[in-house]
PDB file of N, CA and C in Angstrom:
ATOM      1  N   UNK A   1     -18.844   8.597   7.138  1.00  0.00           N
ATOM      2  CA  UNK A   1     -18.730   8.240   5.742  1.00  0.00           C
ATOM      3  C   UNK A   1     -17.308   8.467   5.232  1.00  0.00           C
ATOM      4  N   UNK A   2     -16.609   9.470   5.749  1.00  0.00           N
ATOM      5  CA  UNK A   2     -15.252   9.758   5.328  1.00  0.00           C
ATOM      6  C   UNK A   2     -14.291   8.630   5.663  1.00  0.00           C
ATOM      7  N   UNK A   3     -14.499   7.979   6.811  1.00  0.00           N
ATOM      8  CA  UNK A   3     -13.630   6.881   7.223  1.00  0.00           C
ATOM      9  C   UNK A   3     -13.783   5.682   6.289  1.00  0.00           C
ATOM     10  N   UNK A   4     -15.014   5.388   5.899  1.00  0.00           N
ATOM     11  CA  UNK A   4     -15.266   4.276   4.979  1.00  0.00           C
ATOM     12  C   UNK A   4     -14.630   4.561   3.629  1.00  0.00           C
ATOM     13  N   UNK A   5     -14.733   5.785   3.150  1.00  0.00           N
ATOM     14  CA  UNK A   5     -14.103   6.161   1.885  1.00  0.00           C
ATOM     15  C   UNK A   5     -12.580   6.049   1.998  1.00  0.00           C
ATOM     16  N   UNK A   6     -12.035   6.422   3.134  1.00  0.00           N
ATOM     17  CA  UNK A   6     -10.598   6.301   3.383  1.00  0.00           C
ATOM     18  C   UNK A   6     -10.154   4.843   3.287  1.00  0.00           C
ATOM     19  N   UNK A   7     -10.940   3.931   3.876  1.00  0.00           N
ATOM     20  CA  UNK A   7     -10.622   2.505   3.813  1.00  0.00           C
ATOM     21  C   UNK A   7     -10.725   1.975   2.387  1.00  0.00           C
ATOM     22  N   UNK A   8     -11.728   2.412   1.657  1.00  0.00           N
ATOM     23  CA  UNK A   8     -11.905   1.970   0.273  1.00  0.00           C
ATOM     24  C   UNK A   8     -10.737   2.436  -0.587  1.00  0.00           C
ATOM     25  N   UNK A   9     -10.378   3.705  -0.468  1.00  0.00           N
ATOM     26  CA  UNK A   9      -9.260   4.240  -1.248  1.00  0.00           C
ATOM     27  C   UNK A   9      -7.961   3.543  -0.849  1.00  0.00           C
ATOM     28  N   UNK A  10      -7.765   3.293   0.433  1.00  0.00           N
ATOM     29  CA  UNK A  10      -6.590   2.554   0.883  1.00  0.00           C
ATOM     30  C   UNK A  10      -6.543   1.155   0.289  1.00  0.00           C
ATOM     31  N   UNK A  11      -7.681   0.489   0.234  1.00  0.00           N
ATOM     32  CA  UNK A  11      -7.748  -0.841  -0.361  1.00  0.00           C
ATOM     33  C   UNK A  11      -7.426  -0.833  -1.845  1.00  0.00           C
ATOM     34  N   UNK A  12      -7.942   0.155  -2.563  1.00  0.00           N
ATOM     35  CA  UNK A  12      -7.676   0.255  -4.002  1.00  0.00           C
ATOM     36  C   UNK A  12      -6.195   0.552  -4.247  1.00  0.00           C
ATOM     37  N   UNK A  13      -5.620   1.439  -3.465  1.00  0.00           N
ATOM     38  CA  UNK A  13      -4.204   1.763  -3.624  1.00  0.00           C
ATOM     39  C   UNK A  13      -3.338   0.543  -3.307  1.00  0.00           C
ATOM     40  N   UNK A  14      -3.654  -0.191  -2.252  1.00  0.00           N
ATOM     41  CA  UNK A  14      -2.915  -1.407  -1.924  1.00  0.00           C
ATOM     42  C   UNK A  14      -3.062  -2.461  -3.011  1.00  0.00           C
ATOM     43  N   UNK A  15      -4.262  -2.608  -3.558  1.00  0.00           N
ATOM     44  CA  UNK A  15      -4.498  -3.564  -4.636  1.00  0.00           C
ATOM     45  C   UNK A  15      -3.695  -3.190  -5.882  1.00  0.00           C
ATOM     46  N   UNK A  16      -3.692  -1.902  -6.230  1.00  0.00           N
ATOM     47  CA  UNK A  16      -2.922  -1.441  -7.391  1.00  0.00           C
ATOM     48  C   UNK A  16      -1.423  -1.676  -7.201  1.00  0.00           C
ATOM     49  N   UNK A  17      -0.940  -1.453  -5.996  1.00  0.00           N
ATOM     50  CA  UNK A  17       0.489  -1.674  -5.727  1.00  0.00           C
ATOM     51  C   UNK A  17       0.845  -3.140  -5.929  1.00  0.00           C
ATOM     52  N   UNK A  18       0.020  -4.043  -5.424  1.00  0.00           N
ATOM     53  CA  UNK A  18       0.258  -5.464  -5.616  1.00  0.00           C
ATOM     54  C   UNK A  18       0.162  -5.862  -7.077  1.00  0.00           C
ATOM     55  N   UNK A  19      -0.779  -5.256  -7.788  1.00  0.00           N
ATOM     56  CA  UNK A  19      -0.962  -5.534  -9.209  1.00  0.00           C
ATOM     57  C   UNK A  19       0.243  -5.060 -10.018  1.00  0.00           C
ATOM     58  N   UNK A  20       0.736  -3.873  -9.729  1.00  0.00           N
ATOM     59  CA  UNK A  20       1.890  -3.318 -10.446  1.00  0.00           C
ATOM     60  C   UNK A  20       3.129  -4.177 -10.204  1.00  0.00           C
ATOM     61  N   UNK A  21       3.320  -4.632  -8.972  1.00  0.00           N
ATOM     62  CA  UNK A  21       4.491  -5.445  -8.649  1.00  0.00           C
ATOM     63  C   UNK A  21       4.310  -6.911  -9.018  1.00  0.00           C
ATOM     64  N   UNK A  22       3.079  -7.324  -9.269  1.00  0.00           N
ATOM     65  CA  UNK A  22       2.822  -8.724  -9.580  1.00  0.00           C
ATOM     66  C   UNK A  22       2.957  -9.633  -8.377  1.00  0.00           C
ATOM     67  N   UNK A  23       2.694  -9.094  -7.197  1.00  0.00           N
ATOM     68  CA  UNK A  23       2.814  -9.870  -5.956  1.00  0.00           C
ATOM     69  C   UNK A  23       1.502  -9.789  -5.189  1.00  0.00           C
ATOM     70  N   UNK A  24       1.146 -10.898  -4.579  1.00  0.00           N
ATOM     71  CA  UNK A  24      -0.044 -10.918  -3.734  1.00  0.00           C
ATOM     72  C   UNK A  24       0.300 -10.375  -2.358  1.00  0.00           C
ATOM     73  N   UNK A  25      -0.624  -9.620  -1.830  1.00  0.00           N
ATOM     74  CA  UNK A  25      -0.447  -9.076  -0.489  1.00  0.00           C
ATOM     75  C   UNK A  25      -1.116 -10.038   0.485  1.00  0.00           C
ATOM     76  N   UNK A  26      -0.383 -10.491   1.507  1.00  0.00           N
ATOM     77  CA  UNK A  26      -1.011 -11.397   2.471  1.00  0.00           C
ATOM     78  C   UNK A  26      -2.188 -10.729   3.164  1.00  0.00           C
ATOM     79  N   UNK A  27      -3.250 -11.479   3.394  1.00  0.00           N
ATOM     80  CA  UNK A  27      -4.395 -10.950   4.113  1.00  0.00           C
ATOM     81  C   UNK A  27      -5.548 -10.526   3.229  1.00  0.00           C
ATOM     82  N   UNK A  28      -5.396 -10.666   1.932  1.00  0.00           N
ATOM     83  CA  UNK A  28      -6.499 -10.347   1.014  1.00  0.00           C
ATOM     84  C   UNK A  28      -6.905  -8.885   1.070  1.00  0.00           C
ATOM     85  N   UNK A  29      -8.200  -8.649   1.234  1.00  0.00           N
ATOM     86  CA  UNK A  29      -8.734  -7.284   1.227  1.00  0.00           C
ATOM     87  C   UNK A  29      -8.182  -6.475   2.397  1.00  0.00           C
ATOM     88  N   UNK A  30      -8.121  -7.086   3.567  1.00  0.00           N
ATOM     89  CA  UNK A  30      -7.597  -6.384   4.749  1.00  0.00           C
ATOM     90  C   UNK A  30      -6.127  -6.026   4.513  1.00  0.00           C
ATOM     91  N   UNK A  31      -5.372  -6.938   3.926  1.00  0.00           N
ATOM     92  CA  UNK A  31      -3.970  -6.662   3.613  1.00  0.00           C
ATOM     93  C   UNK A  31      -3.823  -5.525   2.625  1.00  0.00           C
ATOM     94  N   UNK A  32      -4.721  -5.465   1.624  1.00  0.00           N
ATOM     95  CA  UNK A  32      -4.695  -4.363   0.667  1.00  0.00           C
ATOM     96  C   UNK A  32      -4.982  -3.032   1.342  1.00  0.00           C
ATOM     97  N   UNK A  33      -5.951  -3.020   2.235  1.00  0.00           N
ATOM     98  CA  UNK A  33      -6.293  -1.782   2.956  1.00  0.00           C
ATOM     99  C   UNK A  33      -5.108  -1.331   3.803  1.00  0.00           C
ATOM    100  N   UNK A  34      -4.513  -2.261   4.527  1.00  0.00           N
ATOM    101  CA  UNK A  34      -3.374  -1.919   5.379  1.00  0.00           C
ATOM    102  C   UNK A  34      -2.204  -1.420   4.533  1.00  0.00           C
ATOM    103  N   UNK A  35      -1.915  -2.122   3.420  1.00  0.00           N
ATOM    104  CA  UNK A  35      -0.814  -1.697   2.541  1.00  0.00           C
ATOM    105  C   UNK A  35      -1.083  -0.312   1.967  1.00  0.00           C
ATOM    106  N   UNK A  36      -2.325  -0.032   1.588  1.00  0.00           N
ATOM    107  CA  UNK A  36      -2.663   1.281   1.046  1.00  0.00           C
ATOM    108  C   UNK A  36      -2.534   2.394   2.068  1.00  0.00           C
ATOM    109  N   UNK A  37      -2.980   2.141   3.284  1.00  0.00           N
ATOM    110  CA  UNK A  37      -2.901   3.162   4.330  1.00  0.00           C
ATOM    111  C   UNK A  37      -1.449   3.397   4.756  1.00  0.00           C
ATOM    112  N   UNK A  38      -0.695   2.315   4.952  1.00  0.00           N
ATOM    113  CA  UNK A  38       0.723   2.481   5.289  1.00  0.00           C
ATOM    114  C   UNK A  38       1.466   3.135   4.129  1.00  0.00           C
ATOM    115  N   UNK A  39       1.119   2.738   2.899  1.00  0.00           N
ATOM    116  CA  UNK A  39       1.724   3.358   1.723  1.00  0.00           C
ATOM    117  C   UNK A  39       1.436   4.838   1.628  1.00  0.00           C
ATOM    118  N   UNK A  40       0.209   5.241   1.963  1.00  0.00           N
ATOM    119  CA  UNK A  40      -0.144   6.665   1.951  1.00  0.00           C
ATOM    120  C   UNK A  40       0.674   7.422   2.987  1.00  0.00           C
ATOM    121  N   UNK A  41       0.840   6.827   4.147  1.00  0.00           N
ATOM    122  CA  UNK A  41       1.633   7.463   5.198  1.00  0.00           C
ATOM    123  C   UNK A  41       3.099   7.565   4.770  1.00  0.00           C
ATOM    124  N   UNK A  42       3.648   6.448   4.280  1.00  0.00           N
ATOM    125  CA  UNK A  42       5.041   6.410   3.851  1.00  0.00           C
ATOM    126  C   UNK A  42       5.283   7.357   2.670  1.00  0.00           C
ATOM    127  N   UNK A  43       4.395   7.323   1.688  1.00  0.00           N
ATOM    128  CA  UNK A  43       4.528   8.206   0.531  1.00  0.00           C
ATOM    129  C   UNK A  43       4.420   9.669   0.901  1.00  0.00           C
ATOM    130  N   UNK A  44       3.551   9.976   1.868  1.00  0.00           N
ATOM    131  CA  UNK A  44       3.419  11.354   2.328  1.00  0.00           C
ATOM    132  C   UNK A  44       4.682  11.860   3.004  1.00  0.00           C
ATOM    133  N   UNK A  45       5.325  10.985   3.766  1.00  0.00           N
ATOM    134  CA  UNK A  45       6.573  11.373   4.440  1.00  0.00           C
ATOM    135  C   UNK A  45       7.688  11.581   3.423  1.00  0.00           C
ATOM    136  N   UNK A  46       7.809  10.647   2.468  1.00  0.00           N
ATOM    137  CA  UNK A  46       8.921  10.700   1.521  1.00  0.00           C
ATOM    138  C   UNK A  46       8.698  11.755   0.436  1.00  0.00           C
ATOM    139  N   UNK A  47       7.490  11.790  -0.139  1.00  0.00           N
ATOM    140  CA  UNK A  47       7.249  12.611  -1.318  1.00  0.00           C
ATOM    141  C   UNK A  47       6.363  13.829  -1.075  1.00  0.00           C
ATOM    142  N   UNK A  48       5.745  13.934   0.081  1.00  0.00           N
ATOM    143  CA  UNK A  48       4.863  15.062   0.357  1.00  0.00           C
ATOM    144  C   UNK A  48       3.487  14.863  -0.268  1.00  0.00           C
ATOM    145  N   UNK A  49       2.745  15.946  -0.379  1.00  0.00           N
ATOM    146  CA  UNK A  49       1.389  15.902  -0.928  1.00  0.00           C
ATOM    147  C   UNK A  49       1.363  16.582  -2.278  1.00  0.00           C
ATOM    148  N   UNK A  50       1.251  15.795  -3.337  1.00  0.00           N
ATOM    149  CA  UNK A  50       1.058  16.363  -4.666  1.00  0.00           C
ATOM    150  C   UNK A  50       0.130  15.441  -5.437  1.00  0.00           C
ATOM    151  N   UNK A  51      -0.404  15.934  -6.489  1.00  0.00           N
ATOM    152  CA  UNK A  51      -1.338  15.147  -7.287  1.00  0.00           C
ATOM    153  C   UNK A  51      -2.733  15.198  -6.697  1.00  0.00           C
ATOM    154  N   UNK A  52      -3.629  14.409  -7.259  1.00  0.00           N
ATOM    155  CA  UNK A  52      -5.011  14.413  -6.776  1.00  0.00           C
ATOM    156  C   UNK A  52      -5.109  13.913  -5.339  1.00  0.00           C
ATOM    157  N   UNK A  53      -5.988  14.540  -4.577  1.00  0.00           N
ATOM    158  CA  UNK A  53      -6.211  14.184  -3.187  1.00  0.00           C
ATOM    159  C   UNK A  53      -7.572  13.504  -3.083  1.00  0.00           C
ATOM    160  N   UNK A  54      -7.572  12.236  -2.689  1.00  0.00           N
ATOM    161  CA  UNK A  54      -8.801  11.459  -2.584  1.00  0.00           C
ATOM    162  C   UNK A  54      -8.925  10.955  -1.154  1.00  0.00           C
ATOM    163  N   UNK A  55     -10.000  11.328  -0.497  1.00  0.00           N
ATOM    164  CA  UNK A  55     -10.292  10.899   0.880  1.00  0.00           C
ATOM    165  C   UNK A  55      -9.140  11.213   1.825  1.00  0.00           C
ATOM    166  N   UNK A  56      -8.482  12.330   1.630  1.00  0.00           N
ATOM    167  CA  UNK A  56      -7.392  12.729   2.509  1.00  0.00           C
ATOM    168  C   UNK A  56      -6.051  12.119   2.145  1.00  0.00           C
ATOM    169  N   UNK A  57      -5.994  11.366   1.055  1.00  0.00           N
ATOM    170  CA  UNK A  57      -4.734  10.767   0.609  1.00  0.00           C
ATOM    171  C   UNK A  57      -4.313  11.408  -0.698  1.00  0.00           C
ATOM    172  N   UNK A  58      -3.065  11.818  -0.776  1.00  0.00           N
ATOM    173  CA  UNK A  58      -2.508  12.265  -2.050  1.00  0.00           C
ATOM    174  C   UNK A  58      -2.244  11.005  -2.861  1.00  0.00           C
ATOM    175  N   UNK A  59      -2.963  10.814  -3.947  1.00  0.00           N
ATOM    176  CA  UNK A  59      -3.019   9.535  -4.657  1.00  0.00           C
ATOM    177  C   UNK A  59      -1.653   9.072  -5.182  1.00  0.00           C
ATOM    178  N   UNK A  60      -0.894   9.948  -5.790  1.00  0.00           N
ATOM    179  CA  UNK A  60       0.377   9.537  -6.401  1.00  0.00           C
ATOM    180  C   UNK A  60       1.411   9.153  -5.344  1.00  0.00           C
ATOM    181  N   UNK A  61       1.667   9.979  -4.325  1.00  0.00           N
ATOM    182  CA  UNK A  61       2.605   9.551  -3.283  1.00  0.00           C
ATOM    183  C   UNK A  61       2.115   8.312  -2.532  1.00  0.00           C
ATOM    184  N   UNK A  62       0.796   8.181  -2.352  1.00  0.00           N
ATOM    185  CA  UNK A  62       0.259   7.008  -1.664  1.00  0.00           C
ATOM    186  C   UNK A  62       0.526   5.745  -2.472  1.00  0.00           C
ATOM    187  N   UNK A  63       0.344   5.803  -3.769  1.00  0.00           N
ATOM    188  CA  UNK A  63       0.596   4.642  -4.613  1.00  0.00           C
ATOM    189  C   UNK A  63       2.088   4.280  -4.626  1.00  0.00           C
ATOM    190  N   UNK A  64       2.942   5.275  -4.745  1.00  0.00           N
ATOM    191  CA  UNK A  64       4.387   5.017  -4.738  1.00  0.00           C
ATOM    192  C   UNK A  64       4.813   4.450  -3.383  1.00  0.00           C
ATOM    193  N   UNK A  65       4.287   5.015  -2.300  1.00  0.00           N
ATOM    194  CA  UNK A  65       4.591   4.504  -0.962  1.00  0.00           C
ATOM    195  C   UNK A  65       4.090   3.082  -0.769  1.00  0.00           C
ATOM    196  N   UNK A  66       2.903   2.764  -1.303  1.00  0.00           N
ATOM    197  CA  UNK A  66       2.372   1.406  -1.195  1.00  0.00           C
ATOM    198  C   UNK A  66       3.215   0.423  -2.000  1.00  0.00           C
ATOM    199  N   UNK A  67       3.694   0.848  -3.164  1.00  0.00           N
ATOM    200  CA  UNK A  67       4.573  -0.016  -3.963  1.00  0.00           C
ATOM    201  C   UNK A  67       5.850  -0.314  -3.184  1.00  0.00           C
ATOM    202  N   UNK A  68       6.429   0.705  -2.566  1.00  0.00           N
ATOM    203  CA  UNK A  68       7.636   0.508  -1.756  1.00  0.00           C
ATOM    204  C   UNK A  68       7.346  -0.442  -0.599  1.00  0.00           C
ATOM    205  N   UNK A  69       6.232  -0.228   0.086  1.00  0.00           N
ATOM    206  CA  UNK A  69       5.868  -1.059   1.233  1.00  0.00           C
ATOM    207  C   UNK A  69       5.643  -2.511   0.820  1.00  0.00           C
ATOM    208  N   UNK A  70       4.897  -2.746  -0.256  1.00  0.00           N
ATOM    209  CA  UNK A  70       4.617  -4.108  -0.720  1.00  0.00           C
ATOM    210  C   UNK A  70       5.913  -4.790  -1.156  1.00  0.00           C
ATOM    211  N   UNK A  71       6.794  -4.056  -1.815  1.00  0.00           N
ATOM    212  CA  UNK A  71       8.073  -4.624  -2.240  1.00  0.00           C
ATOM    213  C   UNK A  71       8.894  -5.070  -1.033  1.00  0.00           C
ATOM    214  N   UNK A  72       9.006  -4.202  -0.038  1.00  0.00           N
ATOM    215  CA  UNK A  72       9.776  -4.535   1.165  1.00  0.00           C
ATOM    216  C   UNK A  72       9.128  -5.698   1.912  1.00  0.00           C
ATOM    217  N   UNK A  73       7.807  -5.675   2.053  1.00  0.00           N
ATOM    218  CA  UNK A  73       7.095  -6.740   2.749  1.00  0.00           C
ATOM    219  C   UNK A  73       7.277  -8.077   2.040  1.00  0.00           C
ATOM    220  N   UNK A  74       7.154  -8.099   0.722  1.00  0.00           N
ATOM    221  CA  UNK A  74       7.312  -9.360  -0.012  1.00  0.00           C
ATOM    222  C   UNK A  74       8.752  -9.866   0.079  1.00  0.00           C
ATOM    223  N   UNK A  75       9.727  -8.967   0.085  1.00  0.00           N
ATOM    224  CA  UNK A  75      11.127  -9.351   0.241  1.00  0.00           C
ATOM    225  C   UNK A  75      11.359  -9.998   1.601  1.00  0.00           C
ATOM    226  N   UNK A  76      10.830  -9.391   2.648  1.00  0.00           N
ATOM    227  CA  UNK A  76      10.989  -9.933   4.002  1.00  0.00           C
ATOM    228  C   UNK A  76      10.296 -11.284   4.121  1.00  0.00           C
ATOM    229  N   UNK A  77       9.072 -11.392   3.631  1.00  0.00           N
ATOM    230  CA  UNK A  77       8.342 -12.653   3.734  1.00  0.00           C
ATOM    231  C   UNK A  77       9.017 -13.764   2.930  1.00  0.00           C
ATOM    232  N   UNK A  78       9.547 -13.434   1.765  1.00  0.00           N
ATOM    233  CA  UNK A  78      10.244 -14.438   0.958  1.00  0.00           C
ATOM    234  C   UNK A  78      11.486 -14.943   1.695  1.00  0.00           C
ATOM    235  N   UNK A  79      12.233 -14.045   2.326  1.00  0.00           N
ATOM    236  CA  UNK A  79      13.430 -14.459   3.072  1.00  0.00           C
ATOM    237  C   UNK A  79      13.076 -15.276   4.306  1.00  0.00           C
ATOM    238  N   UNK A  80      11.965 -14.945   4.955  1.00  0.00           N
ATOM    239  CA  UNK A  80      11.534 -15.734   6.109  1.00  0.00           C
ATOM    240  C   UNK A  80      11.161 -17.148   5.684  1.00  0.00           C
ATOM    241  N   UNK A  81      10.491 -17.278   4.543  1.00  0.00           N
ATOM    242  CA  UNK A  81      10.128 -18.615   4.046  1.00  0.00           C
ATOM    243  C   UNK A  81      11.361 -19.417   3.670  1.00  0.00           C
ATOM    244  N   UNK A  82      12.370 -18.784   3.073  1.00  0.00           N
ATOM    245  CA  UNK A  82      13.612 -19.483   2.715  1.00  0.00           C
ATOM    246  C   UNK A  82      14.334 -19.980   3.951  1.00  0.00           C
ATOM    247  N   UNK A  83      14.388 -19.158   4.971  1.00  0.00           N
ATOM    248  CA  UNK A  83      15.118 -19.513   6.186  1.00  0.00           C
ATOM    249  C   UNK A  83      14.411 -20.609   6.975  1.00  0.00           C
ATOM    250  N   UNK A  84      13.111 -20.709   6.826  1.00  0.00           N
ATOM    251  CA  UNK A  84      12.340 -21.699   7.560  1.00  0.00           C
ATOM    252  C   UNK A  84      12.500 -23.085   6.960  1.00  0.00           C
ATOM    253  N   UNK A  85      12.795 -23.174   5.684  1.00  0.00           N
ATOM    254  CA  UNK A  85      12.885 -24.484   5.017  1.00  0.00           C
ATOM    255  C   UNK A  85      14.277 -24.954   4.981  1.00  0.00           C
TER     256      UNK A  85
END
């Protein structure tokens, strides 16, 4: 049950990051989950563990890390599309 909650929280964090930035994450729900989990990992490395802890993720660093990840990913994808055309 903990793993499913981890995936749900990762999906919500990834969705919030995309919503805050106003950018769609490729892959829909799976993309949101991946962005949230990578964001939690990245945020944990950069900012440590502070704030509320939900399903093993520190919510605030995870959200900030997901925002950083989504921003970088959208920048890379936009440049790849420009170079292809």
